[in-house]
């Protein structure tokens, strides 16, 4: 779940900010049992790009970012 939340935050920032800004998302140390694995996934640009090519995951992220 932490990875999905981090991915949603990253996508929202990437969509909102101009390209000149660098986005770095990470889990606060000590706040998650597998924080190293989550941070590694969120920092890997190829994994994020592959996740955003997954149609189901795009729907979940868009649903997360939609304000009702």
Protein backbone atom coordinates (compact mmCIF):
# COMPACT_ATOMS: atom_id res chain seq x y z
CA UNK A 1 0.00 0.00 0.00
CA UNK A 2 2.88 2.38 0.78
CA UNK A 3 4.23 1.89 -2.72
CA UNK A 4 0.86 2.75 -4.26
CA UNK A 5 0.53 5.86 -2.12
CA UNK A 6 4.05 6.93 -3.05
CA UNK A 7 3.34 6.28 -6.72
CA UNK A 8 0.18 8.39 -6.53
CA UNK A 9 2.09 11.25 -4.92
CA UNK A 10 4.87 11.00 -7.53
CA UNK A 11 2.41 10.98 -10.44
CA UNK A 12 0.47 13.93 -9.03
CA UNK A 13 3.64 15.97 -8.64
CA UNK A 14 4.97 15.01 -12.08
CA UNK A 15 1.67 16.03 -13.66
CA UNK A 16 1.46 19.31 -11.73
CA UNK A 17 5.02 20.62 -11.76
CA UNK A 18 7.04 21.85 -14.74
CA UNK A 19 9.76 19.52 -16.06
CA UNK A 20 12.53 21.62 -14.51
CA UNK A 21 11.61 20.29 -11.04
CA UNK A 22 13.04 17.01 -9.75
CA UNK A 23 10.62 14.81 -7.81
CA UNK A 24 12.02 12.61 -5.05
CA UNK A 25 9.52 10.57 -3.02
CA UNK A 26 10.49 8.39 -0.08
CA UNK A 27 9.15 6.77 3.07
CA UNK A 28 10.16 8.37 6.37
CA UNK A 29 12.77 6.23 8.17
CA UNK A 30 11.20 4.02 10.82
CA UNK A 31 7.64 4.47 9.56
CA UNK A 32 7.38 1.25 7.52
CA UNK A 33 8.61 -2.31 7.98
CA UNK A 34 10.01 -2.51 4.44
CA UNK A 35 10.97 1.12 3.93
CA UNK A 36 14.17 0.25 2.00
CA UNK A 37 12.26 -1.80 -0.57
CA UNK A 38 9.56 0.85 -0.96
CA UNK A 39 12.12 3.64 -1.34
CA UNK A 40 14.04 1.59 -3.89
CA UNK A 41 10.90 1.07 -5.96
CA UNK A 42 9.87 4.72 -5.79
CA UNK A 43 13.36 5.95 -6.73
CA UNK A 44 13.70 3.64 -9.76
CA UNK A 45 12.55 5.61 -12.82
CA UNK A 46 12.23 2.46 -14.94
CA UNK A 47 9.92 0.79 -12.40
CA UNK A 48 7.76 3.90 -12.19
CA UNK A 49 7.59 4.14 -16.00
CA UNK A 50 6.69 0.44 -16.25
CA UNK A 51 4.01 0.86 -13.59
CA UNK A 52 2.48 3.74 -15.54
CA UNK A 53 2.26 1.54 -18.65
CA UNK A 54 0.06 -0.92 -16.76
CA UNK A 55 -3.54 -0.02 -17.65
CA UNK A 56 -5.00 -1.38 -14.40
CA UNK A 57 -2.48 0.51 -12.29
CA UNK A 58 -3.14 3.73 -14.24
CA UNK A 59 -6.84 3.38 -13.40
CA UNK A 60 -6.06 2.87 -9.71
CA UNK A 61 -3.71 5.88 -9.62
CA UNK A 62 -6.21 8.09 -11.48
CA UNK A 63 -8.96 6.99 -9.10
CA UNK A 64 -6.71 7.84 -6.17
CA UNK A 65 -6.04 11.31 -7.59
CA UNK A 66 -9.65 12.09 -8.51
CA UNK A 67 -11.46 14.46 -6.18
CA UNK A 68 -15.09 13.50 -5.62
